[in-house]
């Protein structure tokens, strides 16, 4: 089965400037804009904002 275009793979890049990134899927129907999540950055050793990069 092919992967759905409704839930594409996106890369979440840390705003702390460490270069750390998470890879996840998002729903285009529920989140049409860029996704922002607060997650743990092990390089900065704290929780920071992660933004979707295109």
N, C-alpha and C. Protein backbone atom coordinates (compact mmCIF):
# COMPACT_ATOMS: atom_id res chain seq x y z
N UNK A 1 0.83 -1.18 0.00
CA UNK A 1 0.00 0.00 0.00
C UNK A 1 0.88 1.25 0.00
N UNK A 2 0.44 2.24 -0.75
CA UNK A 2 1.18 3.49 -0.82
C UNK A 2 0.90 4.35 0.41
N UNK A 3 1.89 5.15 0.78
CA UNK A 3 1.71 6.07 1.91
C UNK A 3 0.73 7.16 1.50
N UNK A 4 -0.06 7.60 2.46
CA UNK A 4 -1.07 8.61 2.18
C UNK A 4 -0.45 10.00 2.05
N UNK A 5 -0.92 10.74 1.07
CA UNK A 5 -0.48 12.13 0.91
C UNK A 5 -1.14 13.03 1.94
N UNK A 6 -2.17 12.52 2.62
CA UNK A 6 -2.85 13.30 3.65
C UNK A 6 -1.99 13.43 4.90
N UNK A 7 -1.09 12.45 5.15
CA UNK A 7 -0.21 12.47 6.33
C UNK A 7 1.25 12.38 5.89
N UNK A 8 1.82 13.51 5.41
CA UNK A 8 3.20 13.48 4.93
C UNK A 8 4.21 13.45 6.08
N UNK A 9 5.42 13.01 5.76
CA UNK A 9 6.52 13.02 6.73
C UNK A 9 7.09 14.42 6.77
N UNK A 10 7.27 14.97 7.98
CA UNK A 10 7.84 16.30 8.14
C UNK A 10 9.02 16.22 9.12
N UNK A 11 9.95 17.16 8.97
CA UNK A 11 11.10 17.24 9.85
C UNK A 11 10.91 18.44 10.77
N UNK A 12 11.01 18.20 12.08
CA UNK A 12 10.89 19.26 13.07
C UNK A 12 12.29 19.65 13.52
N UNK A 13 12.70 20.90 13.25
CA UNK A 13 14.04 21.38 13.56
C UNK A 13 14.00 22.25 14.81
N UNK A 14 15.00 22.11 15.66
CA UNK A 14 15.07 22.84 16.92
C UNK A 14 15.31 24.33 16.67
N UNK A 15 14.61 25.18 17.44
CA UNK A 15 14.82 26.62 17.33
C UNK A 15 15.96 27.09 18.22
N UNK A 16 16.57 26.17 18.99
CA UNK A 16 17.70 26.53 19.85
C UNK A 16 18.99 26.66 19.04
N UNK A 17 18.96 26.29 17.77
CA UNK A 17 20.13 26.43 16.92
C UNK A 17 21.13 25.29 17.05
N UNK A 18 20.72 24.17 17.64
CA UNK A 18 21.63 23.05 17.82
C UNK A 18 21.69 22.15 16.60
N UNK A 19 20.69 22.25 15.72
CA UNK A 19 20.66 21.39 14.54
C UNK A 19 19.95 20.07 14.76
N UNK A 20 19.47 19.84 15.97
CA UNK A 20 18.78 18.58 16.28
C UNK A 20 17.39 18.60 15.63
N UNK A 21 16.94 17.43 15.16
CA UNK A 21 15.65 17.36 14.48
C UNK A 21 14.93 16.07 14.82
N UNK A 22 13.61 16.15 14.85
CA UNK A 22 12.74 14.99 14.97
C UNK A 22 12.06 14.79 13.62
N UNK A 23 11.73 13.53 13.29
CA UNK A 23 10.98 13.22 12.08
C UNK A 23 9.66 12.62 12.51
N UNK A 24 8.56 13.15 11.96
CA UNK A 24 7.23 12.69 12.34
C UNK A 24 6.29 12.83 11.16
N UNK A 25 5.05 12.44 11.37
CA UNK A 25 4.00 12.62 10.36
C UNK A 25 2.98 13.63 10.89
N UNK A 26 2.35 14.36 9.97
CA UNK A 26 1.31 15.30 10.39
C UNK A 26 0.10 15.18 9.48
N UNK A 27 -1.01 15.62 9.99
CA UNK A 27 -2.25 15.60 9.22
C UNK A 27 -2.41 16.94 8.51
N UNK A 28 -2.49 16.90 7.20
CA UNK A 28 -2.68 18.15 6.45
C UNK A 28 -4.07 18.73 6.68
N UNK A 29 -5.03 17.89 6.99
CA UNK A 29 -6.39 18.36 7.20
C UNK A 29 -6.51 19.12 8.52
N UNK A 30 -5.87 18.61 9.60
CA UNK A 30 -5.97 19.26 10.90
C UNK A 30 -4.94 20.36 11.10
N UNK A 31 -3.77 20.23 10.47
CA UNK A 31 -2.68 21.20 10.63
C UNK A 31 -2.17 21.65 9.27
N UNK A 32 -2.91 22.51 8.58
CA UNK A 32 -2.45 22.94 7.25
C UNK A 32 -1.24 23.87 7.31
N UNK A 33 -1.05 24.59 8.43
CA UNK A 33 0.09 25.48 8.58
C UNK A 33 1.29 24.70 9.10
N UNK A 34 2.39 25.43 9.29
CA UNK A 34 3.58 24.78 9.83
C UNK A 34 3.36 24.34 11.26
N UNK A 35 3.84 23.15 11.57
CA UNK A 35 3.66 22.55 12.88
C UNK A 35 4.73 23.07 13.84
N UNK A 36 4.34 23.42 15.08
CA UNK A 36 5.29 23.80 16.13
C UNK A 36 4.95 23.00 17.38
N UNK A 37 5.97 22.34 17.93
CA UNK A 37 5.80 21.53 19.13
C UNK A 37 6.94 21.80 20.09
N UNK A 38 6.66 21.71 21.39
CA UNK A 38 7.71 21.80 22.39
C UNK A 38 8.15 20.38 22.71
N UNK A 39 9.44 20.11 22.43
CA UNK A 39 10.00 18.78 22.64
C UNK A 39 11.38 18.92 23.27
N UNK A 40 11.94 17.79 23.70
CA UNK A 40 13.23 17.79 24.36
C UNK A 40 14.36 17.82 23.34
N UNK A 41 15.31 18.73 23.52
CA UNK A 41 16.50 18.81 22.69
C UNK A 41 17.67 18.27 23.51
N UNK A 42 18.19 17.08 23.20
CA UNK A 42 19.27 16.51 24.00
C UNK A 42 20.59 17.26 23.89
N UNK A 43 20.80 18.01 22.82
CA UNK A 43 22.03 18.79 22.67
C UNK A 43 21.99 19.99 23.62
N UNK A 44 20.84 20.68 23.67
CA UNK A 44 20.68 21.83 24.57
C UNK A 44 20.33 21.37 25.99
N UNK A 45 19.92 20.11 26.13
CA UNK A 45 19.52 19.50 27.40
C UNK A 45 18.37 20.25 28.08
N UNK A 46 17.38 20.63 27.29
CA UNK A 46 16.17 21.26 27.83
C UNK A 46 15.07 21.16 26.77
N UNK A 47 13.86 21.49 27.19
CA UNK A 47 12.73 21.52 26.26
C UNK A 47 12.75 22.84 25.49
N UNK A 48 12.64 22.76 24.18
CA UNK A 48 12.63 23.95 23.33
C UNK A 48 11.54 23.78 22.27
N UNK A 49 11.28 24.84 21.56
CA UNK A 49 10.28 24.83 20.49
C UNK A 49 10.90 24.23 19.23
N UNK A 50 10.18 23.31 18.62
CA UNK A 50 10.59 22.70 17.36
C UNK A 50 9.60 23.14 16.29
N UNK A 51 10.10 23.61 15.14
CA UNK A 51 9.26 24.06 14.05
C UNK A 51 9.43 23.17 12.83
N UNK A 52 8.36 23.02 12.09
CA UNK A 52 8.39 22.24 10.87
C UNK A 52 9.25 22.95 9.83
N UNK A 53 10.13 22.20 9.20
CA UNK A 53 10.94 22.77 8.13
C UNK A 53 10.50 22.17 6.83
N UNK A 54 10.57 22.94 5.77
CA UNK A 54 10.09 22.47 4.47
C UNK A 54 11.25 22.19 3.54
